[in-house]
Amino acid sequence: MEIRVFFLALLILASPLLQVARCQSESEAEAADTAEGAGDLEIVNEDAQFYGDESFASAAGVQTVCVFPKNSGKLVPAGEETELLVGIKYDGDSSVNVVAIKASVHLPFDHHLLVQNLTAQVFNNASVPPSAQATFPYVFAVSKYLQAGTFDLVGIILYEIDQQPYQSTFYNGTVEVIEPSGFLSIETVFLVMLGLALLVALALWIQGQVQNLSKKSKRAPKVEVGTRLTDASMDEWLQGTAYTQSLSNKSKKKK
């Protein structure tokens, strides 16, 4: 009898760990099993009322966990939907009524600089029994115009205990926004066009340099040896010789 009680207590204590492991699994079947733990969950559209932008304190004894299924790198394609799972557990005597999940994107170096408020996911009939854990899906999409890079994601889950509103931050860390698959971003197109323009400019510059060199080679001056200069130097060299005397005698006879 004591052995049975021991194993029953062990199973009760280990059940939260098993549910967390199930939440972190990348298997679709296991993800479906954790979603069933929330009961007959009904997802309401984003226009439902859920306290708006009010902020509340966190309830004591509430534990949250966040997992990006099949996305260990926490990659968020711009303009495309990204899913994460939020687990919640309350170590108290009352049930927890999950109202909504919302998130926002901030600059990593300053949380006061808000980049985007993401769509809130509102729930109906999302009651979690005492000492039990349930997992809720949250699907969001950042703006397709958001530049790729590292950003901070802050996720908040709103809930009620004994009709009193509370909130807890289930994620406050970085995510990597990447370019959407199958599309070229404006930045990529700009860089490609800039590279092509630089290549064309370089080719034109090289062509101009080659043409200048060819023109200079064609315009090289020709050195002509003047006959007068040659004759003057010859006369100076032959002066006083028999050759010059014969030339002078011929010139006198012509006169």
Protein backbone atom coordinates (compact mmCIF):
# COMPACT_ATOMS: atom_id res chain seq x y z
CA MET A 1 0.00 0.00 0.00
CA GLU A 2 2.81 2.41 0.91
CA ILE A 3 4.57 1.62 -2.39
CA ARG A 4 1.44 2.52 -4.36
CA VAL A 5 1.08 5.79 -2.50
CA PHE A 6 4.75 6.56 -3.14
CA PHE A 7 4.46 5.95 -6.89
CA LEU A 8 1.23 7.98 -7.07
CA ALA A 9 2.92 10.92 -5.34
CA LEU A 10 5.92 10.57 -7.65
CA LEU A 11 3.67 10.71 -10.72
CA ILE A 12 1.90 13.79 -9.41
CA LEU A 13 5.19 15.58 -8.79
CA ALA A 14 6.61 14.57 -12.17
CA SER A 15 3.52 15.52 -14.17
CA PRO A 16 4.50 19.22 -14.63
CA LEU A 17 7.93 18.21 -15.91
CA LEU A 18 6.38 15.77 -18.33
CA GLN A 19 4.02 18.44 -19.63
CA VAL A 20 6.87 20.91 -20.10
CA ALA A 21 8.87 18.31 -22.01
CA ARG A 22 5.81 17.62 -24.12
CA CYS A 23 5.50 21.34 -24.82
CA GLN A 24 9.12 21.56 -25.95
CA SER A 25 8.87 18.59 -28.26
CA GLU A 26 8.97 19.22 -31.97
CA SER A 27 6.55 16.45 -32.76
CA GLU A 28 3.17 17.54 -34.12
CA ALA A 29 1.41 14.75 -32.27
CA GLU A 30 2.83 15.81 -28.94
CA ALA A 31 2.00 19.46 -29.61
CA ALA A 32 -1.60 18.45 -30.26
CA ASP A 33 -1.74 16.54 -26.97
CA THR A 34 -0.60 19.57 -24.99
CA ALA A 35 -3.19 21.77 -26.68
CA GLU A 36 -5.94 19.41 -25.51
CA GLY A 37 -4.91 20.12 -21.91
CA ALA A 38 -6.68 23.51 -22.10
CA GLY A 39 -10.08 21.92 -22.58
CA ASP A 40 -12.60 23.22 -25.11
CA LEU A 41 -10.51 26.22 -26.03
CA GLU A 42 -12.10 28.88 -28.21
CA ILE A 43 -9.97 31.50 -29.93
CA VAL A 44 -11.69 34.84 -30.33
CA ASN A 45 -10.84 37.47 -32.93
CA GLU A 46 -8.61 40.39 -32.08
CA ASP A 47 -11.52 42.85 -31.65
CA ALA A 48 -12.75 41.20 -28.44
CA GLN A 49 -12.47 43.10 -25.16
CA PHE A 50 -9.63 42.02 -22.87
CA TYR A 51 -8.65 45.06 -20.74
CA GLY A 52 -6.97 46.91 -23.63
CA ASP A 53 -3.58 48.41 -22.79
CA GLU A 54 -3.95 48.22 -19.02
CA SER A 55 -1.10 46.73 -17.01
CA PHE A 56 -1.50 44.44 -14.02
CA ALA A 57 0.72 42.77 -11.46
CA SER A 58 1.76 39.15 -11.67
CA ALA A 59 -0.03 36.67 -9.41
CA ALA A 60 2.04 34.74 -6.89
CA GLY A 61 2.43 31.06 -7.67
CA VAL A 62 1.94 31.45 -11.44
CA GLN A 63 4.65 29.91 -13.62
CA THR A 64 4.96 30.42 -17.37
CA VAL A 65 7.09 28.85 -20.08
CA CYS A 66 7.52 29.70 -23.77
CA VAL A 67 8.62 27.47 -26.63
CA PHE A 68 9.13 28.15 -30.35
CA PRO A 69 8.12 24.80 -31.89
CA LYS A 70 10.39 23.61 -34.70
CA ASN A 71 12.22 26.91 -34.45
CA SER A 72 15.13 26.64 -32.04
CA GLY A 73 16.85 29.63 -33.67
CA LYS A 74 13.79 31.84 -32.96
CA LEU A 75 13.70 33.05 -36.55
CA VAL A 76 10.83 35.37 -37.45
CA PRO A 77 10.26 35.91 -41.21
CA ALA A 78 9.06 39.45 -41.89
CA GLY A 79 5.43 39.52 -43.00
CA GLU A 80 4.86 35.81 -42.31
CA GLU A 81 3.17 34.10 -39.39
CA THR A 82 5.28 32.70 -36.57
CA GLU A 83 3.89 30.40 -33.88
CA LEU A 84 4.96 29.96 -30.29
CA LEU A 85 3.46 27.98 -27.39
CA VAL A 86 2.84 29.47 -23.96
CA GLY A 87 2.53 27.18 -20.95
CA ILE A 88 1.00 28.35 -17.67
CA LYS A 89 0.68 26.67 -14.27
CA TYR A 90 -0.79 27.97 -11.00
CA ASP A 91 0.19 26.42 -7.68
CA GLY A 92 -2.92 27.58 -5.87
CA ASP A 93 -6.40 26.52 -4.87
CA SER A 94 -8.26 28.40 -7.61
CA SER A 95 -8.47 27.93 -11.33
CA VAL A 96 -6.86 30.33 -13.79
CA ASN A 97 -8.91 31.88 -16.55
CA VAL A 98 -6.60 32.82 -19.41
CA VAL A 99 -7.92 35.93 -21.14
CA ALA A 100 -5.41 36.86 -23.84
CA ILE A 101 -1.83 36.74 -25.08
CA LYS A 102 -0.14 39.77 -26.57
CA ALA A 103 3.39 40.79 -27.54
CA SER A 104 5.43 43.70 -28.79
CA VAL A 105 8.71 44.23 -30.64
CA HIS A 106 11.38 46.61 -29.32
CA LEU A 107 14.86 47.72 -30.27
CA PRO A 108 17.46 45.55 -28.52
CA PHE A 109 19.51 48.44 -27.13
CA ASP A 110 16.53 50.38 -25.71
CA HIS A 111 13.23 48.82 -24.62
CA HIS A 112 11.61 52.24 -24.50
CA LEU A 113 11.80 52.40 -28.31
CA LEU A 114 8.75 50.44 -29.48
CA VAL A 115 8.97 49.01 -32.97
CA GLN A 116 5.59 47.29 -33.29
CA ASN A 117 2.64 46.16 -31.20
CA LEU A 118 1.70 42.68 -32.35
CA THR A 119 -1.83 41.34 -32.67
CA ALA A 120 -3.36 40.13 -29.41
CA GLN A 121 -4.80 36.60 -29.23
CA VAL A 122 -7.97 36.47 -27.11
CA PHE A 123 -9.40 33.26 -25.62
CA ASN A 124 -12.78 32.12 -24.34
CA ASN A 125 -13.37 29.11 -22.08
CA ALA A 126 -9.64 28.90 -21.29
CA SER A 127 -9.78 27.77 -17.68
CA VAL A 128 -6.82 25.97 -16.13
CA PRO A 129 -7.56 23.84 -13.02
CA PRO A 130 -5.50 24.33 -9.85
CA SER A 131 -2.01 22.79 -9.92
CA ALA A 132 -2.43 21.90 -13.59
CA GLN A 133 -0.56 23.16 -16.61
CA ALA A 134 -2.01 24.09 -19.98
CA THR A 135 -0.46 25.23 -23.23
CA PHE A 136 -1.86 27.96 -25.46
CA PRO A 137 -0.83 28.82 -29.03
CA TYR A 138 0.09 32.33 -30.07
CA VAL A 139 0.51 33.24 -33.73
CA PHE A 140 1.96 36.61 -34.70
CA ALA A 141 3.52 38.35 -37.68
CA VAL A 142 5.88 41.29 -37.72
CA SER A 143 5.61 43.93 -40.42
CA LYS A 144 6.83 42.89 -43.86
CA TYR A 145 8.67 46.22 -44.04
CA LEU A 146 10.70 45.51 -40.91
CA GLN A 147 14.40 45.33 -41.73
CA ALA A 148 16.12 42.05 -41.03
CA GLY A 149 18.10 41.98 -37.80
CA THR A 150 17.96 41.27 -34.08
CA PHE A 151 15.04 42.62 -32.06
CA ASP A 152 13.62 42.11 -28.58
CA LEU A 153 10.28 40.35 -28.23
CA VAL A 154 8.21 40.89 -25.07
CA GLY A 155 5.31 38.48 -24.61
CA ILE A 156 2.60 38.87 -21.95
CA ILE A 157 -0.22 36.54 -20.92
CA LEU A 158 -3.29 38.05 -19.25
CA TYR A 159 -5.39 35.92 -16.90
CA GLU A 160 -7.88 36.08 -14.05
CA ILE A 161 -7.81 34.40 -10.66
CA ASP A 162 -10.97 34.73 -8.55
CA GLN A 163 -12.15 37.37 -11.05
CA GLN A 164 -9.07 39.51 -10.41
CA PRO A 165 -6.98 40.42 -13.51
CA TYR A 166 -3.25 39.65 -13.58
CA GLN A 167 -0.51 39.41 -16.17
CA SER A 168 2.83 37.61 -16.46
CA THR A 169 5.68 38.03 -18.92
CA PHE A 170 6.31 34.66 -20.53
CA TYR A 171 9.11 35.82 -22.86
CA ASN A 172 11.51 38.74 -22.80
CA GLY A 173 14.41 38.04 -25.13
CA THR A 174 15.78 38.42 -28.61
CA VAL A 175 14.45 37.09 -31.89
CA GLU A 176 16.03 37.18 -35.33
CA VAL A 177 13.89 38.84 -38.00
CA ILE A 178 14.78 37.45 -41.42
CA GLU A 179 13.74 38.19 -44.97
CA PRO A 180 10.59 36.38 -46.12
CA SER A 181 11.22 33.22 -48.10
CA GLY A 182 10.80 33.44 -51.86
CA PHE A 183 10.94 37.23 -52.06
CA LEU A 184 13.66 39.80 -52.59
CA SER A 185 13.74 42.63 -50.10
CA ILE A 186 14.16 46.27 -51.10
CA GLU A 187 17.58 46.28 -49.48
CA THR A 188 18.72 43.26 -51.50
CA VAL A 189 17.52 44.79 -54.77
CA PHE A 190 19.27 48.07 -53.93
CA LEU A 191 22.56 46.33 -53.15
CA VAL A 192 22.40 44.31 -56.38
CA MET A 193 21.70 47.42 -58.46
CA LEU A 194 24.49 49.31 -56.68
CA GLY A 195 26.95 46.49 -57.40
CA LEU A 196 25.97 46.43 -61.09
CA ALA A 197 26.36 50.22 -61.34
CA LEU A 198 29.84 50.05 -59.81
CA LEU A 199 30.86 47.31 -62.24
CA VAL A 200 29.62 49.35 -65.24
CA ALA A 201 31.44 52.45 -63.98
CA LEU A 202 34.66 50.44 -63.55
CA ALA A 203 34.37 49.00 -67.06
CA LEU A 204 33.85 52.47 -68.57
CA TRP A 205 36.85 53.83 -66.68
CA ILE A 206 39.09 51.01 -67.90
CA GLN A 207 37.88 51.53 -71.47
CA GLY A 208 38.66 55.26 -71.24
CA GLN A 209 42.16 54.58 -69.94
CA VAL A 210 42.85 52.16 -72.79
CA GLN A 211 41.63 54.68 -75.37
CA ASN A 212 43.83 57.43 -73.91
CA LEU A 213 46.89 55.20 -74.05
CA SER A 214 46.20 54.26 -77.67
CA LYS A 215 45.79 57.93 -78.68
CA LYS A 216 49.05 58.91 -77.00
CA SER A 217 50.92 56.15 -78.80
CA LYS A 218 49.54 57.29 -82.20
CA ARG A 219 50.45 60.94 -81.57
CA ALA A 220 54.15 60.29 -80.71
CA PRO A 221 56.32 62.97 -82.54
CA LYS A 222 58.63 61.91 -85.38
CA VAL A 223 62.26 63.01 -85.06
CA GLU A 224 63.55 64.37 -88.39
CA VAL A 225 67.25 64.84 -88.98
CA GLY A 226 67.70 68.20 -90.62
CA THR A 227 70.00 68.33 -93.64
CA ARG A 228 71.08 71.85 -92.88
CA LEU A 229 72.30 70.97 -89.44
CA THR A 230 74.13 67.97 -90.87
CA ASP A 231 75.67 70.07 -93.65
CA ALA A 232 76.83 72.76 -91.21
CA SER A 233 78.52 70.23 -88.99
CA MET A 234 80.16 68.61 -92.01
CA ASP A 235 81.46 71.95 -93.26
CA GLU A 236 82.93 72.74 -89.89
CA TRP A 237 84.62 69.34 -89.77
CA LEU A 238 86.02 69.56 -93.33
CA GLN A 239 87.13 73.16 -93.03
CA GLY A 240 90.79 73.63 -94.14
CA THR A 241 90.95 70.35 -96.00
CA ALA A 242 91.52 69.73 -99.69
CA TYR A 243 87.79 69.09 -100.13
CA THR A 244 86.89 72.61 -99.03
CA GLN A 245 89.64 74.13 -101.19
CA SER A 246 88.33 72.36 -104.29
CA LEU A 247 84.82 73.59 -103.52
CA SER A 248 86.10 77.19 -103.23
CA ASN A 249 87.98 76.93 -106.55
CA LYS A 250 84.82 75.71 -108.30
CA SER A 251 82.81 78.58 -106.93
CA LYS A 252 85.45 81.12 -108.18
CA LYS A 253 85.43 79.63 -111.71
CA LYS A 254 81.60 79.97 -111.82
CA LYS A 255 81.93 83.65 -111.08
